[in-house]
Amino acid sequence: MNRALVTGGAGFIGSHLSRRLLNEGVSVVALDNLGSGCRENVRELESKPAFTFVEGDVRDPFAEQIPAPKDVDTVFHFASRASPTDFEEHALEIAETNSEGTKRALKYATDIEATVVYASTSEVYGDPEVHPQTETYNGNVNCRGLRSAYDESKRFGETLCETYHRTRGTDVRTVRIFNTYGPRMRFDDGRVVPTFLDQALRGDDLTIYGDGTQTRSFCYVDDLVRGILRVADEPDIDGTVMNLGHTNEVTINTFADVIRDLVETDVGISYEPLPDDDPQKRRPDISKAREEIDWKPTVSLRSGLKRTAAYFVQQ
């Protein structure tokens, strides 16, 4: 890999990925419309000759936005709002980004014979009836619910990836990303890690939606990025789809206790109604990642949360 395009490059995961690529000697173009990404996430990278930031939109033609567009050999397609707080207000933008934007990314990569790594999500499994979730499980998603603009458009993005691979021979690899956390998450992201940390550090009660018995499996961003790059670099796995996430499953009630202990606070808990279609269980089966790319997460929950809390304190 010599030159990579990272769509959503100023976002949470995209900015971490851009840093890691630069550290490994790869030239990076980060494309982001700054809808949910933040220029500050990549500000210090802009002094590096191997890094180029482009404020642009994946719904527009790629080749017209990317400097030296034919020199890109790998496209990491990570553009999309992923915060639950955006699913209603920005529903159309999300649906278009994950459909028209993904189509444009695939067409661009196909034309220049580049590899594509597509960022899918554990949300393609919906509220799962199979646990843990394996790549062969087709999911249980409400196609008309408030989350559907994200969930279903990511599923359709996977359909486009498979179709381009099958009909045009595009080297496209799909990663299904499970709950990931770390520095540079937005405070108002709406997901449980930044919400709990922000509340605990402020001395506010932690807000749990539902009764707190629902489960999540939290993966630190450095582990995720390492897995993403192994998927990109591994030979002869074009067309693959692979879960990336931690297998340490905890209830939200237990997670609240972890946060209170970490921050050393005795704040209370406020229970609110569970949003529609919020999944009750989340835990990936990562057997495929272990076997095909020799990957597993290594950062413990407490260690990762300490690093994330330190970032929040500094903001």
C-alpha atoms as a PDB file:
ATOM      1  CA  MET A   1       0.000   0.000   0.000  1.00  0.00           C
ATOM      2  CA  ASN A   2       1.459   3.347  -1.075  1.00  0.00           C
ATOM      3  CA  ARG A   3      -1.344   5.897  -1.203  1.00  0.00           C
ATOM      4  CA  ALA A   4      -4.696   5.597   0.555  1.00  0.00           C
ATOM      5  CA  LEU A   5      -7.921   7.546   0.411  1.00  0.00           C
ATOM      6  CA  VAL A   6      -9.848   7.625   3.700  1.00  0.00           C
ATOM      7  CA  THR A   7     -13.406   8.865   3.342  1.00  0.00           C
ATOM      8  CA  GLY A   8     -14.687  10.197   6.629  1.00  0.00           C
ATOM      9  CA  GLY A   9     -11.029  10.872   7.365  1.00  0.00           C
ATOM     10  CA  ALA A  10     -11.737  13.587   9.946  1.00  0.00           C
ATOM     11  CA  GLY A  11     -14.158  11.389  11.877  1.00  0.00           C
ATOM     12  CA  PHE A  12     -13.481   9.349  14.997  1.00  0.00           C
ATOM     13  CA  ILE A  13     -12.299   6.120  13.360  1.00  0.00           C
ATOM     14  CA  GLY A  14     -11.123   7.774  10.142  1.00  0.00           C
ATOM     15  CA  SER A  15      -8.722  10.100  11.967  1.00  0.00           C
ATOM     16  CA  HIS A  16      -7.185   7.204  13.923  1.00  0.00           C
ATOM     17  CA  LEU A  17      -6.860   5.207  10.717  1.00  0.00           C
ATOM     18  CA  SER A  18      -5.198   8.128   8.915  1.00  0.00           C
ATOM     19  CA  ARG A  19      -2.602   8.452  11.692  1.00  0.00           C
ATOM     20  CA  ARG A  20      -1.804   4.762  11.658  1.00  0.00           C
ATOM     21  CA  LEU A  21      -1.399   4.737   7.877  1.00  0.00           C
ATOM     22  CA  LEU A  22       0.952   7.721   7.988  1.00  0.00           C
ATOM     23  CA  ASN A  23       2.991   6.048  10.717  1.00  0.00           C
ATOM     24  CA  GLU A  24       3.387   3.032   8.450  1.00  0.00           C
ATOM     25  CA  GLY A  25       4.700   5.153   5.585  1.00  0.00           C
ATOM     26  CA  VAL A  26       1.501   5.375   3.554  1.00  0.00           C
ATOM     27  CA  SER A  27       0.521   8.647   1.910  1.00  0.00           C
ATOM     28  CA  VAL A  28      -3.039   9.624   2.929  1.00  0.00           C
ATOM     29  CA  VAL A  29      -5.807  11.715   1.411  1.00  0.00           C
ATOM     30  CA  ALA A  30      -8.593  12.323   3.929  1.00  0.00           C
ATOM     31  CA  LEU A  31     -11.951  13.267   2.399  1.00  0.00           C
ATOM     32  CA  ASP A  32     -14.618  14.611   4.759  1.00  0.00           C
ATOM     33  CA  ASN A  33     -17.561  17.025   4.527  1.00  0.00           C
ATOM     34  CA  LEU A  34     -17.188  17.799   8.263  1.00  0.00           C
ATOM     35  CA  GLY A  35     -20.822  16.910   8.893  1.00  0.00           C
ATOM     36  CA  SER A  36     -19.901  14.827  11.926  1.00  0.00           C
ATOM     37  CA  GLY A  37     -16.121  14.776  11.524  1.00  0.00           C
ATOM     38  CA  CYS A  38     -13.967  17.535  12.967  1.00  0.00           C
ATOM     39  CA  ARG A  39     -11.040  19.309  11.326  1.00  0.00           C
ATOM     40  CA  GLU A  40      -9.286  19.424  14.705  1.00  0.00           C
ATOM     41  CA  ASN A  41      -9.067  15.614  14.626  1.00  0.00           C
ATOM     42  CA  VAL A  42      -6.491  15.841  11.834  1.00  0.00           C
ATOM     43  CA  ARG A  43      -5.105  19.347  12.367  1.00  0.00           C
ATOM     44  CA  GLU A  44      -1.606  18.235  13.391  1.00  0.00           C
ATOM     45  CA  LEU A  45      -1.473  15.809  10.451  1.00  0.00           C
ATOM     46  CA  GLU A  46      -1.764  18.645   7.957  1.00  0.00           C
ATOM     47  CA  SER A  47       1.857  19.634   8.563  1.00  0.00           C
ATOM     48  CA  LYS A  48       2.975  16.262   7.207  1.00  0.00           C
ATOM     49  CA  PRO A  49       3.853  16.228   3.473  1.00  0.00           C
ATOM     50  CA  ALA A  50       2.281  12.774   3.086  1.00  0.00           C
ATOM     51  CA  PHE A  51      -1.134  13.961   4.320  1.00  0.00           C
ATOM     52  CA  THR A  52      -3.755  15.864   2.331  1.00  0.00           C
ATOM     53  CA  PHE A  53      -7.118  16.971   3.673  1.00  0.00           C
ATOM     54  CA  VAL A  54      -9.965  17.534   1.227  1.00  0.00           C
ATOM     55  CA  GLU A  55     -13.245  19.033   2.381  1.00  0.00           C
ATOM     56  CA  GLY A  56     -15.639  17.256   0.082  1.00  0.00           C
ATOM     57  CA  ASP A  57     -18.587  14.902  -0.073  1.00  0.00           C
ATOM     58  CA  VAL A  58     -18.709  11.245  -1.109  1.00  0.00           C
ATOM     59  CA  ARG A  59     -22.039  11.886  -2.812  1.00  0.00           C
ATOM     60  CA  ASP A  60     -20.137  13.906  -5.430  1.00  0.00           C
ATOM     61  CA  PRO A  61     -17.796  12.397  -8.075  1.00  0.00           C
ATOM     62  CA  PHE A  62     -14.554  11.257  -6.454  1.00  0.00           C
ATOM     63  CA  ALA A  63     -12.040  11.883  -9.218  1.00  0.00           C
ATOM     64  CA  GLU A  64     -12.982  15.569  -9.310  1.00  0.00           C
ATOM     65  CA  GLN A  65     -12.153  15.973  -5.607  1.00  0.00           C
ATOM     66  CA  ILE A  66      -8.992  13.894  -5.106  1.00  0.00           C
ATOM     67  CA  PRO A  67      -5.536  15.261  -6.047  1.00  0.00           C
ATOM     68  CA  ALA A  68      -3.794  12.829  -8.433  1.00  0.00           C
ATOM     69  CA  PRO A  69      -6.814  10.498  -8.251  1.00  0.00           C
ATOM     70  CA  LYS A  70      -5.205   7.653 -10.213  1.00  0.00           C
ATOM     71  CA  ASP A  71      -2.346   7.288  -7.708  1.00  0.00           C
ATOM     72  CA  VAL A  72      -4.612   5.919  -4.948  1.00  0.00           C
ATOM     73  CA  ASP A  73      -4.246   2.158  -4.474  1.00  0.00           C
ATOM     74  CA  THR A  74      -6.526   1.630  -1.448  1.00  0.00           C
ATOM     75  CA  VAL A  75      -9.855   3.266  -0.590  1.00  0.00           C
ATOM     76  CA  PHE A  76     -11.026   3.061   3.020  1.00  0.00           C
ATOM     77  CA  HIS A  77     -14.691   4.002   2.755  1.00  0.00           C
ATOM     78  CA  PHE A  78     -15.590   5.163   6.279  1.00  0.00           C
ATOM     79  CA  ALA A  79     -17.802   8.177   5.545  1.00  0.00           C
ATOM     80  CA  SER A  80     -21.150   8.188   7.327  1.00  0.00           C
ATOM     81  CA  ARG A  81     -22.745   9.662  10.387  1.00  0.00           C
ATOM     82  CA  ALA A  82     -22.949   6.810  12.908  1.00  0.00           C
ATOM     83  CA  SER A  83     -24.294   8.534  16.000  1.00  0.00           C
ATOM     84  CA  PRO A  84     -27.784   7.450  17.131  1.00  0.00           C
ATOM     85  CA  THR A  85     -28.555  11.116  17.824  1.00  0.00           C
ATOM     86  CA  ASP A  86     -28.212  11.754  14.059  1.00  0.00           C
ATOM     87  CA  PHE A  87     -30.405   8.911  12.829  1.00  0.00           C
ATOM     88  CA  GLU A  88     -33.592  10.977  12.726  1.00  0.00           C
ATOM     89  CA  GLU A  89     -32.433  14.532  11.994  1.00  0.00           C
ATOM     90  CA  HIS A  90     -29.911  13.475   9.316  1.00  0.00           C
ATOM     91  CA  ALA A  91     -31.680  10.371   8.040  1.00  0.00           C
ATOM     92  CA  LEU A  92     -31.680  11.318   4.350  1.00  0.00           C
ATOM     93  CA  GLU A  93     -28.024  12.354   4.382  1.00  0.00           C
ATOM     94  CA  ILE A  94     -27.079   9.050   6.042  1.00  0.00           C
ATOM     95  CA  ALA A  95     -29.096   6.995   3.548  1.00  0.00           C
ATOM     96  CA  GLU A  96     -27.592   8.843   0.571  1.00  0.00           C
ATOM     97  CA  THR A  97     -24.037   8.636   1.929  1.00  0.00           C
ATOM     98  CA  ASN A  98     -24.289   4.874   2.364  1.00  0.00           C
ATOM     99  CA  SER A  99     -25.950   4.293  -1.007  1.00  0.00           C
ATOM    100  CA  GLU A 100     -24.928   6.908  -3.596  1.00  0.00           C
ATOM    101  CA  GLY A 101     -21.684   7.635  -1.746  1.00  0.00           C
ATOM    102  CA  THR A 102     -20.759   3.959  -1.595  1.00  0.00           C
ATOM    103  CA  LYS A 103     -21.609   3.507  -5.264  1.00  0.00           C
ATOM    104  CA  ARG A 104     -19.313   6.404  -6.178  1.00  0.00           C
ATOM    105  CA  ALA A 105     -16.512   5.010  -3.996  1.00  0.00           C
ATOM    106  CA  LEU A 106     -16.800   1.607  -5.652  1.00  0.00           C
ATOM    107  CA  LYS A 107     -16.945   3.032  -9.172  1.00  0.00           C
ATOM    108  CA  TYR A 108     -13.912   5.213  -8.518  1.00  0.00           C
ATOM    109  CA  ALA A 109     -11.916   2.307  -7.058  1.00  0.00           C
ATOM    110  CA  THR A 110     -12.944  -0.008  -9.892  1.00  0.00           C
ATOM    111  CA  ASP A 111     -11.878   2.501 -12.541  1.00  0.00           C
ATOM    112  CA  ILE A 112      -8.386   2.860 -11.028  1.00  0.00           C
ATOM    113  CA  GLU A 113      -8.124  -0.816  -9.911  1.00  0.00           C
ATOM    114  CA  ALA A 114      -7.798   0.070  -6.240  1.00  0.00           C
ATOM    115  CA  THR A 115      -8.710  -2.098  -3.249  1.00  0.00           C
ATOM    116  CA  VAL A 116     -11.734  -0.996  -1.192  1.00  0.00           C
ATOM    117  CA  VAL A 117     -12.219  -1.566   2.532  1.00  0.00           C
ATOM    118  CA  TYR A 118     -15.859  -0.839   3.320  1.00  0.00           C
ATOM    119  CA  ALA A 119     -16.846   0.112   6.859  1.00  0.00           C
ATOM    120  CA  SER A 120     -20.045  -1.742   7.625  1.00  0.00           C
ATOM    121  CA  THR A 121     -21.418  -2.133  11.120  1.00  0.00           C
ATOM    122  CA  SER A 122     -22.787  -4.579  13.659  1.00  0.00           C
ATOM    123  CA  GLU A 123     -26.088  -2.739  13.127  1.00  0.00           C
ATOM    124  CA  VAL A 124     -26.619  -4.836   9.991  1.00  0.00           C
ATOM    125  CA  TYR A 125     -27.564  -7.603  12.461  1.00  0.00           C
ATOM    126  CA  GLY A 126     -30.323  -5.451  13.982  1.00  0.00           C
ATOM    127  CA  ASP A 127     -31.808  -6.826  17.207  1.00  0.00           C
ATOM    128  CA  PRO A 128     -30.240 -10.266  16.720  1.00  0.00           C
ATOM    129  CA  GLU A 129     -31.936 -13.605  17.127  1.00  0.00           C
ATOM    130  CA  VAL A 130     -28.526 -15.332  16.850  1.00  0.00           C
ATOM    131  CA  HIS A 131     -25.906 -14.825  19.563  1.00  0.00           C
ATOM    132  CA  PRO A 132     -23.031 -14.217  19.236  1.00  0.00           C
ATOM    133  CA  GLN A 133     -23.345 -12.780  15.745  1.00  0.00           C
ATOM    134  CA  THR A 134     -21.503 -14.544  12.931  1.00  0.00           C
ATOM    135  CA  GLU A 135     -20.859 -13.221   9.443  1.00  0.00           C
ATOM    136  CA  THR A 136     -23.296 -15.781   8.007  1.00  0.00           C
ATOM    137  CA  TYR A 137     -26.225 -14.394  10.049  1.00  0.00           C
ATOM    138  CA  ASN A 138     -28.455 -12.175   7.893  1.00  0.00           C
ATOM    139  CA  GLY A 139     -29.858 -10.113  10.741  1.00  0.00           C
ATOM    140  CA  ASN A 140     -33.179  -8.933  12.136  1.00  0.00           C
ATOM    141  CA  VAL A 141     -33.597  -5.307  11.043  1.00  0.00           C
ATOM    142  CA  ASN A 142     -36.707  -3.124  10.963  1.00  0.00           C
ATOM    143  CA  CYS A 143     -36.523  -1.526   7.522  1.00  0.00           C
ATOM    144  CA  ARG A 144     -39.042   1.193   8.479  1.00  0.00           C
ATOM    145  CA  GLY A 145     -37.829   2.144  11.965  1.00  0.00           C
ATOM    146  CA  LEU A 146     -36.028   5.304  13.097  1.00  0.00           C
ATOM    147  CA  ARG A 147     -32.671   3.511  12.892  1.00  0.00           C
ATOM    148  CA  SER A 148     -33.306   2.169   9.410  1.00  0.00           C
ATOM    149  CA  ALA A 149     -31.704   5.066   7.509  1.00  0.00           C
ATOM    150  CA  TYR A 150     -28.397   3.891   8.971  1.00  0.00           C
ATOM    151  CA  ASP A 151     -28.952   0.148   9.438  1.00  0.00           C
ATOM    152  CA  GLU A 152     -30.531  -0.546   6.064  1.00  0.00           C
ATOM    153  CA  SER A 153     -28.298   1.778   4.065  1.00  0.00           C
ATOM    154  CA  LYS A 154     -25.240   0.009   5.503  1.00  0.00           C
ATOM    155  CA  ARG A 155     -26.811  -3.294   4.483  1.00  0.00           C
ATOM    156  CA  PHE A 156     -27.436  -1.906   0.991  1.00  0.00           C
ATOM    157  CA  GLY A 157     -23.821  -0.706   0.910  1.00  0.00           C
ATOM    158  CA  GLU A 158     -22.764  -4.310   1.506  1.00  0.00           C
ATOM    159  CA  THR A 159     -24.999  -5.360  -1.381  1.00  0.00           C
ATOM    160  CA  LEU A 160     -23.261  -2.847  -3.647  1.00  0.00           C
ATOM    161  CA  CYS A 161     -19.855  -4.118  -2.505  1.00  0.00           C
ATOM    162  CA  GLU A 162     -20.739  -7.726  -3.237  1.00  0.00           C
ATOM    163  CA  THR A 163     -22.286  -6.787  -6.589  1.00  0.00           C
ATOM    164  CA  TYR A 164     -19.209  -4.822  -7.700  1.00  0.00           C
ATOM    165  CA  HIS A 165     -16.982  -7.690  -6.581  1.00  0.00           C
ATOM    166  CA  ARG A 166     -19.045 -10.305  -8.392  1.00  0.00           C
ATOM    167  CA  THR A 167     -19.796  -8.449 -11.626  1.00  0.00           C
ATOM    168  CA  ARG A 168     -16.771  -6.172 -12.064  1.00  0.00           C
ATOM    169  CA  GLY A 169     -14.052  -7.977 -10.152  1.00  0.00           C
ATOM    170  CA  THR A 170     -13.500  -5.139  -7.683  1.00  0.00           C
ATOM    171  CA  ASP A 171     -11.230  -6.088  -4.786  1.00  0.00           C
ATOM    172  CA  VAL A 172     -13.521  -5.053  -1.940  1.00  0.00           C
ATOM    173  CA  ARG A 173     -13.305  -6.201   1.679  1.00  0.00           C
ATOM    174  CA  THR A 174     -16.054  -5.473   4.233  1.00  0.00           C
ATOM    175  CA  VAL A 175     -15.489  -5.001   7.960  1.00  0.00           C
ATOM    176  CA  ARG A 176     -18.468  -5.148  10.301  1.00  0.00           C
ATOM    177  CA  ILE A 177     -17.469  -2.858  13.151  1.00  0.00           C
ATOM    178  CA  PHE A 178     -18.813  -3.543  16.634  1.00  0.00           C
ATOM    179  CA  ASN A 179     -19.022  -0.946  19.415  1.00  0.00           C
ATOM    180  CA  THR A 180     -15.731   0.959  19.249  1.00  0.00           C
ATOM    181  CA  TYR A 181     -14.558   3.713  21.574  1.00  0.00           C
ATOM    182  CA  GLY A 182     -11.533   5.877  22.266  1.00  0.00           C
ATOM    183  CA  PRO A 183     -10.135   9.421  22.100  1.00  0.00           C
ATOM    184  CA  ARG A 184     -11.688  11.861  19.617  1.00  0.00           C
ATOM    185  CA  MET A 185     -15.229  10.596  20.073  1.00  0.00           C
ATOM    186  CA  ARG A 186     -17.737  13.453  20.148  1.00  0.00           C
ATOM    187  CA  PHE A 187     -19.105  14.365  23.585  1.00  0.00           C
ATOM    188  CA  ASP A 188     -22.594  14.554  22.041  1.00  0.00           C
ATOM    189  CA  ASP A 189     -22.151  11.318  20.104  1.00  0.00           C
ATOM    190  CA  GLY A 190     -25.116   9.690  21.837  1.00  0.00           C
ATOM    191  CA  ARG A 191     -23.387   6.341  22.281  1.00  0.00           C
ATOM    192  CA  VAL A 192     -22.910   4.982  25.741  1.00  0.00           C
ATOM    193  CA  VAL A 193     -19.147   5.402  26.242  1.00  0.00           C
ATOM    194  CA  PRO A 194     -18.909   9.179  25.642  1.00  0.00           C
ATOM    195  CA  THR A 195     -22.292   9.744  27.292  1.00  0.00           C
ATOM    196  CA  PHE A 196     -21.359   7.931  30.511  1.00  0.00           C
ATOM    197  CA  LEU A 197     -17.871   9.438  30.673  1.00  0.00           C
ATOM    198  CA  ASP A 198     -19.157  12.949  30.083  1.00  0.00           C
ATOM    199  CA  GLN A 199     -21.877  12.552  32.719  1.00  0.00           C
ATOM    200  CA  ALA A 200     -19.577  10.958  35.277  1.00  0.00           C
ATOM    201  CA  LEU A 201     -16.873  13.601  34.857  1.00  0.00           C
ATOM    202  CA  ARG A 202     -19.485  16.338  35.272  1.00  0.00           C
ATOM    203  CA  GLY A 203     -20.917  14.681  38.365  1.00  0.00           C
ATOM    204  CA  ASP A 204     -24.277  14.008  36.697  1.00  0.00           C
ATOM    205  CA  ASP A 205     -26.338  10.845  37.031  1.00  0.00           C
ATOM    206  CA  LEU A 206     -25.693   8.260  34.310  1.00  0.00           C
ATOM    207  CA  THR A 207     -28.584   7.833  31.890  1.00  0.00           C
ATOM    208  CA  ILE A 208     -29.517   4.236  31.102  1.00  0.00           C
ATOM    209  CA  TYR A 209     -32.156   3.549  28.484  1.00  0.00           C
ATOM    210  CA  GLY A 210     -34.311   0.525  29.303  1.00  0.00           C
ATOM    211  CA  ASP A 211     -33.564  -1.612  32.337  1.00  0.00           C
ATOM    212  CA  GLY A 212     -29.827  -1.866  31.659  1.00  0.00           C
ATOM    213  CA  THR A 213     -29.803  -5.610  31.031  1.00  0.00           C
ATOM    214  CA  GLN A 214     -29.004  -5.137  27.349  1.00  0.00           C
ATOM    215  CA  THR A 215     -25.419  -6.026  26.458  1.00  0.00           C
ATOM    216  CA  ARG A 216     -22.596  -4.516  24.442  1.00  0.00           C
ATOM    217  CA  SER A 217     -19.020  -5.542  23.624  1.00  0.00           C
ATOM    218  CA  PHE A 218     -16.585  -2.619  23.591  1.00  0.00           C
ATOM    219  CA  CYS A 219     -13.462  -2.545  21.387  1.00  0.00           C
ATOM    220  CA  TYR A 220     -10.734   0.074  21.799  1.00  0.00           C
ATOM    221  CA  VAL A 221     -10.048   2.002  18.600  1.00  0.00           C
ATOM    222  CA  ASP A 222      -6.360   1.014  18.334  1.00  0.00           C
ATOM    223  CA  ASP A 223      -7.343  -2.657  18.236  1.00  0.00           C
ATOM    224  CA  LEU A 224      -9.969  -1.937  15.591  1.00  0.00           C
ATOM    225  CA  VAL A 225      -7.579   0.001  13.350  1.00  0.00           C
ATOM    226  CA  ARG A 226      -5.021  -2.801  13.581  1.00  0.00           C
ATOM    227  CA  GLY A 227      -7.699  -5.224  12.379  1.00  0.00           C
ATOM    228  CA  ILE A 228      -8.784  -2.927   9.557  1.00  0.00           C
ATOM    229  CA  LEU A 229      -5.239  -2.725   8.219  1.00  0.00           C
ATOM    230  CA  ARG A 230      -4.811  -6.476   8.389  1.00  0.00           C
ATOM    231  CA  VAL A 231      -7.989  -6.881   6.343  1.00  0.00           C
ATOM    232  CA  ALA A 232      -6.614  -4.409   3.796  1.00  0.00           C
ATOM    233  CA  ASP A 233      -3.181  -6.049   3.560  1.00  0.00           C
ATOM    234  CA  GLU A 234      -4.071  -9.744   3.655  1.00  0.00           C
ATOM    235  CA  PRO A 235      -3.689 -11.343   0.207  1.00  0.00           C
ATOM    236  CA  ASP A 236      -6.423 -13.385  -1.450  1.00  0.00           C
ATOM    237  CA  ILE A 237      -9.373 -12.366   0.745  1.00  0.00           C
ATOM    238  CA  ASP A 238     -11.069 -10.029  -1.726  1.00  0.00           C
ATOM    239  CA  GLY A 239     -14.834 -10.245  -1.361  1.00  0.00           C
ATOM    240  CA  THR A 240     -14.591 -11.123   2.337  1.00  0.00           C
ATOM    241  CA  VAL A 241     -16.831  -9.812   5.107  1.00  0.00           C
ATOM    242  CA  MET A 242     -15.391  -9.886   8.611  1.00  0.00           C
ATOM    243  CA  ASN A 243     -16.520  -9.018  12.124  1.00  0.00           C
ATOM    244  CA  LEU A 244     -14.146  -6.785  14.092  1.00  0.00           C
ATOM    245  CA  GLY A 245     -14.904  -6.200  17.761  1.00  0.00           C
ATOM    246  CA  HIS A 246     -14.267  -7.299  21.322  1.00  0.00           C
ATOM    247  CA  THR A 247     -15.857 -10.465  22.692  1.00  0.00           C
ATOM    248  CA  ASN A 248     -15.998  -9.237  26.300  1.00  0.00           C
ATOM    249  CA  GLU A 249     -19.763  -8.759  26.630  1.00  0.00           C
ATOM    250  CA  VAL A 250     -21.131  -6.670  29.523  1.00  0.00           C
ATOM    251  CA  THR A 251     -24.568  -5.403  30.508  1.00  0.00           C
ATOM    252  CA  ILE A 252     -25.114  -1.659  30.487  1.00  0.00           C
ATOM    253  CA  ASN A 253     -25.757  -1.825  34.237  1.00  0.00           C
ATOM    254  CA  THR A 254     -22.349  -3.418  34.761  1.00  0.00           C
ATOM    255  CA  PHE A 255     -20.749  -0.922  32.409  1.00  0.00           C
ATOM    256  CA  ALA A 256     -22.201   1.944  34.469  1.00  0.00           C
ATOM    257  CA  ASP A 257     -20.508   0.462  37.556  1.00  0.00           C
ATOM    258  CA  VAL A 258     -17.191   0.264  35.677  1.00  0.00           C
ATOM    259  CA  ILE A 259     -17.430   3.931  34.693  1.00  0.00           C
ATOM    260  CA  ARG A 260     -18.325   5.085  38.222  1.00  0.00           C
ATOM    261  CA  ASP A 261     -15.415   3.116  39.656  1.00  0.00           C
ATOM    262  CA  LEU A 262     -12.990   4.412  37.027  1.00  0.00           C
ATOM    263  CA  VAL A 263     -13.958   8.049  37.505  1.00  0.00           C
ATOM    264  CA  GLU A 264     -14.221   7.548  41.272  1.00  0.00           C
ATOM    265  CA  THR A 265     -17.670   9.058  41.575  1.00  0.00           C
ATOM    266  CA  ASP A 266     -20.811   8.039  43.392  1.00  0.00           C
ATOM    267  CA  VAL A 267     -23.250   9.564  40.903  1.00  0.00           C
ATOM    268  CA  GLY A 268     -26.600   7.844  40.600  1.00  0.00           C
ATOM    269  CA  ILE A 269     -28.374   6.264  37.639  1.00  0.00           C
ATOM    270  CA  SER A 270     -31.407   7.620  35.808  1.00  0.00           C
ATOM    271  CA  TYR A 271     -33.480   5.126  33.823  1.00  0.00           C
ATOM    272  CA  GLU A 272     -35.267   6.291  30.673  1.00  0.00           C
ATOM    273  CA  PRO A 273     -37.475   4.421  28.150  1.00  0.00           C
ATOM    274  CA  LEU A 274     -35.606   2.234  25.680  1.00  0.00           C
ATOM    275  CA  PRO A 275     -35.611   3.657  22.112  1.00  0.00           C
ATOM    276  CA  ASP A 276     -37.375   1.655  19.418  1.00  0.00           C
ATOM    277  CA  ASP A 277     -35.334  -1.141  17.807  1.00  0.00           C
ATOM    278  CA  ASP A 278     -32.415  -0.710  20.212  1.00  0.00           C
ATOM    279  CA  PRO A 279     -30.608  -4.090  20.113  1.00  0.00           C
ATOM    280  CA  GLN A 280     -30.747  -6.227  23.248  1.00  0.00           C
ATOM    281  CA  LYS A 281     -27.512  -8.131  22.609  1.00  0.00           C
ATOM    282  CA  ARG A 282     -24.201  -7.398  20.927  1.00  0.00           C
ATOM    283  CA  ARG A 283     -21.210  -9.714  20.781  1.00  0.00           C
ATOM    284  CA  PRO A 284     -19.251 -10.636  17.678  1.00  0.00           C
ATOM    285  CA  ASP A 285     -18.030 -14.055  16.751  1.00  0.00           C
ATOM    286  CA  ILE A 286     -14.484 -13.204  15.606  1.00  0.00           C
ATOM    287  CA  SER A 287     -13.416 -16.734  14.690  1.00  0.00           C
ATOM    288  CA  LYS A 288     -12.985 -15.686  11.065  1.00  0.00           C
ATOM    289  CA  ALA A 289     -10.707 -12.762  11.981  1.00  0.00           C
ATOM    290  CA  ARG A 290      -8.626 -15.008  14.239  1.00  0.00           C
ATOM    291  CA  GLU A 291      -8.194 -17.605  11.496  1.00  0.00           C
ATOM    292  CA  GLU A 292      -7.801 -15.454   8.379  1.00  0.00           C
ATOM    293  CA  ILE A 293      -5.879 -12.393   9.587  1.00  0.00           C
ATOM    294  CA  ASP A 294      -4.574 -13.590  12.982  1.00  0.00           C
ATOM    295  CA  TRP A 295      -6.356 -10.758  14.792  1.00  0.00           C
ATOM    296  CA  LYS A 296      -7.918 -10.370  18.195  1.00  0.00           C
ATOM    297  CA  PRO A 297      -8.307  -7.337  20.482  1.00  0.00           C
ATOM    298  CA  THR A 298      -5.697  -6.931  23.209  1.00  0.00           C
ATOM    299  CA  VAL A 299      -6.661  -3.708  25.047  1.00  0.00           C
ATOM    300  CA  SER A 300      -8.724  -4.370  28.172  1.00  0.00           C
ATOM    301  CA  LEU A 301     -11.894  -2.378  28.790  1.00  0.00           C
ATOM    302  CA  ARG A 302     -10.495  -0.622  31.841  1.00  0.00           C
ATOM    303  CA  SER A 303      -7.225   0.291  30.113  1.00  0.00           C
ATOM    304  CA  GLY A 304      -9.024   1.663  27.050  1.00  0.00           C
ATOM    305  CA  LEU A 305     -11.475   3.625  29.175  1.00  0.00           C
ATOM    306  CA  LYS A 306      -8.611   5.217  31.146  1.00  0.00           C
ATOM    307  CA  ARG A 307      -7.100   6.502  27.906  1.00  0.00           C
ATOM    308  CA  THR A 308     -10.477   7.738  26.688  1.00  0.00           C
ATOM    309  CA  ALA A 309     -11.296   9.449  29.988  1.00  0.00           C
ATOM    310  CA  ALA A 310      -7.911  11.219  29.922  1.00  0.00           C
ATOM    311  CA  TYR A 311      -8.784  12.638  26.497  1.00  0.00           C
ATOM    312  CA  PHE A 312     -12.174  13.855  27.728  1.00  0.00           C
ATOM    313  CA  VAL A 313     -10.592  15.560  30.736  1.00  0.00           C
ATOM    314  CA  GLN A 314      -8.223  17.478  28.457  1.00  0.00           C
ATOM    315  CA  GLN A 315     -11.019  18.866  26.253  1.00  0.00           C
END
